[in-house]
Amino acid sequence: MIFNRIVVAFDGSELAFSALRKAVEFARADSRVEIHIVNVIIIDTQTYMSYMSPFGGEASYVDPEQVKEINDERVMIKKNEFEATIADTIAAVRDQITIEFVFGVAPADEIISYAEDHEADCIIMGCRGLGAVRGMLGSVSYAVIRSAGTSVLIVK
């Protein structure tokens, strides 16, 4: 197989499902193919700001334990929904799949960083996701194509 380690950027959109189906196709053709499904959870600064002093009189402080609890709770909720949503699509190659959630403010940067950290041969993603459309390509897919150091397969 030309790709051994594939990162699938998955945001739940129909085109993300198309990307996932393409990766599964590769994995079914070769049992050595690893698929890493990555979902970027956007850091919601408003959630963390609510733990800060609303009046600004004292130095504001966000308790790292509270942040960890918020993040862990968000991941558990999302993981349960996520796995139920993709279960049928990945059933044939479930043992070749890793599902990861990463936190960040810029999805393209997080996808690229994950791919680099896991030495991916290819990133597969939809041409547009759940965000706003920029021409024919979405802004995240465009940024990944422009900045990734590995092959990128854009799926319609």
C-alpha atoms as a PDB file:
ATOM      1  CA  MET A   1       0.000   0.000   0.000  1.00  0.00           C
ATOM      2  CA  ILE A   2       1.244   3.444  -0.809  1.00  0.00           C
ATOM      3  CA  PHE A   3      -0.003   4.819   2.544  1.00  0.00           C
ATOM      4  CA  ASN A   4       0.647   3.017   5.819  1.00  0.00           C
ATOM      5  CA  ARG A   5      -0.525   5.611   8.331  1.00  0.00           C
ATOM      6  CA  ILE A   6      -3.483   7.779   7.377  1.00  0.00           C
ATOM      7  CA  VAL A   7      -4.930  10.680   9.340  1.00  0.00           C
ATOM      8  CA  VAL A   8      -8.591  11.381   8.641  1.00  0.00           C
ATOM      9  CA  ALA A   9      -9.727  14.847   9.682  1.00  0.00           C
ATOM     10  CA  PHE A  10     -13.302  14.271  10.811  1.00  0.00           C
ATOM     11  CA  ASP A  11     -15.777  16.976  11.805  1.00  0.00           C
ATOM     12  CA  GLY A  12     -19.024  15.075  11.281  1.00  0.00           C
ATOM     13  CA  SER A  13     -19.881  16.637   7.925  1.00  0.00           C
ATOM     14  CA  GLU A  14     -21.028  14.508   4.990  1.00  0.00           C
ATOM     15  CA  LEU A  15     -17.730  15.171   3.230  1.00  0.00           C
ATOM     16  CA  ALA A  16     -15.848  14.011   6.330  1.00  0.00           C
ATOM     17  CA  PHE A  17     -17.788  10.746   6.052  1.00  0.00           C
ATOM     18  CA  SER A  18     -16.662  10.530   2.418  1.00  0.00           C
ATOM     19  CA  ALA A  19     -13.060  10.971   3.563  1.00  0.00           C
ATOM     20  CA  LEU A  20     -13.505   8.296   6.218  1.00  0.00           C
ATOM     21  CA  ARG A  21     -15.017   5.868   3.698  1.00  0.00           C
ATOM     22  CA  LYS A  22     -12.011   6.430   1.397  1.00  0.00           C
ATOM     23  CA  ALA A  23      -9.591   5.677   4.245  1.00  0.00           C
ATOM     24  CA  VAL A  24     -11.554   2.541   5.137  1.00  0.00           C
ATOM     25  CA  GLU A  25     -11.294   1.492   1.495  1.00  0.00           C
ATOM     26  CA  PHE A  26      -7.485   1.720   1.748  1.00  0.00           C
ATOM     27  CA  ALA A  27      -7.482  -0.189   5.043  1.00  0.00           C
ATOM     28  CA  ARG A  28      -9.653  -2.977   3.661  1.00  0.00           C
ATOM     29  CA  ALA A  29      -7.161  -3.402   0.814  1.00  0.00           C
ATOM     30  CA  ASP A  30      -4.235  -3.802   3.224  1.00  0.00           C
ATOM     31  CA  SER A  31      -4.486  -4.889   6.859  1.00  0.00           C
ATOM     32  CA  ARG A  32      -1.229  -3.052   7.683  1.00  0.00           C
ATOM     33  CA  VAL A  33      -2.811   0.365   7.080  1.00  0.00           C
ATOM     34  CA  GLU A  34      -3.409   2.378  10.262  1.00  0.00           C
ATOM     35  CA  ILE A  35      -6.153   4.995  10.312  1.00  0.00           C
ATOM     36  CA  HIS A  36      -6.083   7.807  12.838  1.00  0.00           C
ATOM     37  CA  ILE A  37      -9.416   9.608  12.971  1.00  0.00           C
ATOM     38  CA  VAL A  38      -8.880  13.064  14.408  1.00  0.00           C
ATOM     39  CA  ASN A  39     -11.567  15.412  15.624  1.00  0.00           C
ATOM     40  CA  VAL A  40     -10.487  18.888  16.659  1.00  0.00           C
ATOM     41  CA  ILE A  41     -12.411  20.283  19.599  1.00  0.00           C
ATOM     42  CA  ILE A  42     -12.272  24.046  19.399  1.00  0.00           C
ATOM     43  CA  ILE A  43     -11.168  25.604  22.654  1.00  0.00           C
ATOM     44  CA  ASP A  44     -14.045  27.749  23.784  1.00  0.00           C
ATOM     45  CA  THR A  45     -12.459  30.672  25.597  1.00  0.00           C
ATOM     46  CA  GLN A  46     -15.891  31.738  26.901  1.00  0.00           C
ATOM     47  CA  THR A  47     -16.108  28.532  28.957  1.00  0.00           C
ATOM     48  CA  TYR A  48     -12.815  29.315  30.626  1.00  0.00           C
ATOM     49  CA  MET A  49     -13.569  32.987  31.025  1.00  0.00           C
ATOM     50  CA  SER A  50     -16.576  32.122  33.184  1.00  0.00           C
ATOM     51  CA  TYR A  51     -14.136  30.938  35.847  1.00  0.00           C
ATOM     52  CA  MET A  52     -12.465  34.319  35.935  1.00  0.00           C
ATOM     53  CA  SER A  53     -13.398  37.360  37.987  1.00  0.00           C
ATOM     54  CA  PRO A  54     -16.119  39.259  36.069  1.00  0.00           C
ATOM     55  CA  PHE A  55     -15.071  42.554  37.643  1.00  0.00           C
ATOM     56  CA  GLY A  56     -11.341  42.387  37.009  1.00  0.00           C
ATOM     57  CA  GLY A  57     -10.532  43.720  40.476  1.00  0.00           C
ATOM     58  CA  GLU A  58      -8.229  40.862  41.343  1.00  0.00           C
ATOM     59  CA  ALA A  59      -5.802  38.959  39.201  1.00  0.00           C
ATOM     60  CA  SER A  60      -7.799  36.496  37.161  1.00  0.00           C
ATOM     61  CA  TYR A  61      -6.904  32.854  37.508  1.00  0.00           C
ATOM     62  CA  VAL A  62      -8.247  29.768  35.796  1.00  0.00           C
ATOM     63  CA  ASP A  63      -7.780  26.680  37.930  1.00  0.00           C
ATOM     64  CA  PRO A  64      -5.974  24.057  35.771  1.00  0.00           C
ATOM     65  CA  GLU A  65      -7.969  21.288  37.467  1.00  0.00           C
ATOM     66  CA  GLN A  66     -11.249  22.942  36.458  1.00  0.00           C
ATOM     67  CA  VAL A  67     -10.001  23.268  32.886  1.00  0.00           C
ATOM     68  CA  LYS A  68      -9.002  19.588  32.877  1.00  0.00           C
ATOM     69  CA  GLU A  69     -12.424  18.583  34.229  1.00  0.00           C
ATOM     70  CA  ILE A  70     -14.195  20.661  31.570  1.00  0.00           C
ATOM     71  CA  ASN A  71     -12.027  19.171  28.822  1.00  0.00           C
ATOM     72  CA  ASP A  72     -12.446  15.601  30.085  1.00  0.00           C
ATOM     73  CA  GLU A  73     -16.218  16.029  30.254  1.00  0.00           C
ATOM     74  CA  ARG A  74     -16.364  17.479  26.742  1.00  0.00           C
ATOM     75  CA  VAL A  75     -14.267  14.617  25.366  1.00  0.00           C
ATOM     76  CA  MET A  76     -16.412  11.925  27.033  1.00  0.00           C
ATOM     77  CA  ILE A  77     -19.632  13.412  25.665  1.00  0.00           C
ATOM     78  CA  LYS A  78     -18.147  13.854  22.217  1.00  0.00           C
ATOM     79  CA  LYS A  79     -16.485  10.431  22.189  1.00  0.00           C
ATOM     80  CA  ASN A  80     -19.729   8.601  22.898  1.00  0.00           C
ATOM     81  CA  GLU A  81     -21.613  10.536  20.205  1.00  0.00           C
ATOM     82  CA  PHE A  82     -18.714  10.244  17.791  1.00  0.00           C
ATOM     83  CA  GLU A  83     -18.216   6.490  18.073  1.00  0.00           C
ATOM     84  CA  ALA A  84     -21.940   5.822  17.669  1.00  0.00           C
ATOM     85  CA  THR A  85     -22.024   8.030  14.570  1.00  0.00           C
ATOM     86  CA  ILE A  86     -19.148   6.300  12.766  1.00  0.00           C
ATOM     87  CA  ALA A  87     -19.567   2.729  14.050  1.00  0.00           C
ATOM     88  CA  ASP A  88     -21.116   1.331  10.860  1.00  0.00           C
ATOM     89  CA  THR A  89     -18.601   3.077   8.613  1.00  0.00           C
ATOM     90  CA  ILE A  90     -15.540   1.684  10.419  1.00  0.00           C
ATOM     91  CA  ALA A  91     -16.872  -1.732  11.455  1.00  0.00           C
ATOM     92  CA  ALA A  92     -14.910  -3.712   8.841  1.00  0.00           C
ATOM     93  CA  VAL A  93     -11.530  -2.268   9.929  1.00  0.00           C
ATOM     94  CA  ARG A  94     -12.158  -1.296  13.567  1.00  0.00           C
ATOM     95  CA  ASP A  95      -8.926  -2.954  14.755  1.00  0.00           C
ATOM     96  CA  GLN A  96      -6.913  -0.713  12.388  1.00  0.00           C
ATOM     97  CA  ILE A  97      -8.399   2.503  13.737  1.00  0.00           C
ATOM     98  CA  THR A  98      -7.428   4.955  16.458  1.00  0.00           C
ATOM     99  CA  ILE A  99      -9.828   7.753  17.374  1.00  0.00           C
ATOM    100  CA  GLU A 100      -8.334  10.904  18.850  1.00  0.00           C
ATOM    101  CA  PHE A 101      -9.675  14.224  20.043  1.00  0.00           C
ATOM    102  CA  VAL A 102      -7.382  17.227  20.142  1.00  0.00           C
ATOM    103  CA  PHE A 103      -8.026  20.684  21.537  1.00  0.00           C
ATOM    104  CA  GLY A 104      -7.070  23.802  19.646  1.00  0.00           C
ATOM    105  CA  VAL A 105      -8.143  27.109  18.200  1.00  0.00           C
ATOM    106  CA  ALA A 106      -6.993  26.483  14.615  1.00  0.00           C
ATOM    107  CA  PRO A 107      -8.204  23.107  13.256  1.00  0.00           C
ATOM    108  CA  ALA A 108      -5.768  23.071  10.312  1.00  0.00           C
ATOM    109  CA  ASP A 109      -2.785  23.558  12.614  1.00  0.00           C
ATOM    110  CA  GLU A 110      -3.987  20.792  14.929  1.00  0.00           C
ATOM    111  CA  ILE A 111      -4.556  18.367  12.030  1.00  0.00           C
ATOM    112  CA  ILE A 112      -1.110  19.055  10.589  1.00  0.00           C
ATOM    113  CA  SER A 113       0.558  18.800  14.000  1.00  0.00           C
ATOM    114  CA  TYR A 114      -1.169  15.503  14.717  1.00  0.00           C
ATOM    115  CA  ALA A 115      -0.115  14.113  11.317  1.00  0.00           C
ATOM    116  CA  GLU A 116       3.500  15.162  11.942  1.00  0.00           C
ATOM    117  CA  ASP A 117       3.555  13.772  15.495  1.00  0.00           C
ATOM    118  CA  HIS A 118       2.222  10.413  14.278  1.00  0.00           C
ATOM    119  CA  GLU A 119       4.395  10.306  11.132  1.00  0.00           C
ATOM    120  CA  ALA A 120       1.404  10.051   8.810  1.00  0.00           C
ATOM    121  CA  ASP A 121       1.890   9.268   5.136  1.00  0.00           C
ATOM    122  CA  CYS A 122      -1.346  10.983   4.157  1.00  0.00           C
ATOM    123  CA  ILE A 123      -4.097  13.237   5.455  1.00  0.00           C
ATOM    124  CA  ILE A 124      -7.557  12.565   4.045  1.00  0.00           C
ATOM    125  CA  MET A 125     -10.280  15.138   4.495  1.00  0.00           C
ATOM    126  CA  GLY A 126     -13.375  16.535   2.856  1.00  0.00           C
ATOM    127  CA  CYS A 127     -13.126  19.542   0.595  1.00  0.00           C
ATOM    128  CA  ARG A 128     -15.464  21.434   2.919  1.00  0.00           C
ATOM    129  CA  GLY A 129     -16.437  20.827   6.499  1.00  0.00           C
ATOM    130  CA  LEU A 130     -18.990  22.237   8.851  1.00  0.00           C
ATOM    131  CA  GLY A 131     -17.449  25.712   8.701  1.00  0.00           C
ATOM    132  CA  ALA A 132     -17.929  28.468   6.164  1.00  0.00           C
ATOM    133  CA  VAL A 133     -17.106  27.865   2.520  1.00  0.00           C
ATOM    134  CA  ARG A 134     -14.183  29.613   0.833  1.00  0.00           C
ATOM    135  CA  GLY A 135     -14.553  29.079  -2.891  1.00  0.00           C
ATOM    136  CA  MET A 136     -14.371  25.412  -3.857  1.00  0.00           C
ATOM    137  CA  LEU A 137     -12.303  24.432  -0.826  1.00  0.00           C
ATOM    138  CA  GLY A 138     -13.088  25.133   2.789  1.00  0.00           C
ATOM    139  CA  SER A 139     -10.667  27.275   4.718  1.00  0.00           C
ATOM    140  CA  VAL A 140      -9.431  24.337   6.839  1.00  0.00           C
ATOM    141  CA  SER A 141      -8.799  22.036   3.874  1.00  0.00           C
ATOM    142  CA  TYR A 142      -7.117  24.880   2.012  1.00  0.00           C
ATOM    143  CA  ALA A 143      -4.831  25.599   4.975  1.00  0.00           C
ATOM    144  CA  VAL A 144      -3.936  21.915   5.352  1.00  0.00           C
ATOM    145  CA  ILE A 145      -3.070  21.588   1.652  1.00  0.00           C
ATOM    146  CA  ARG A 146      -0.968  24.726   1.819  1.00  0.00           C
ATOM    147  CA  SER A 147       0.960  23.841   4.991  1.00  0.00           C
ATOM    148  CA  ALA A 148       1.102  20.064   5.407  1.00  0.00           C
ATOM    149  CA  GLY A 149       4.428  18.342   4.941  1.00  0.00           C
ATOM    150  CA  THR A 150       2.761  15.125   3.763  1.00  0.00           C
ATOM    151  CA  SER A 151       0.375  14.059   1.032  1.00  0.00           C
ATOM    152  CA  VAL A 152      -3.173  15.377   1.346  1.00  0.00           C
ATOM    153  CA  LEU A 153      -6.130  13.705  -0.309  1.00  0.00           C
ATOM    154  CA  ILE A 154      -9.195  15.918  -0.611  1.00  0.00           C
ATOM    155  CA  VAL A 155     -12.441  14.020  -1.053  1.00  0.00           C
ATOM    156  CA  LYS A 156     -15.771  15.202  -2.464  1.00  0.00           C
END
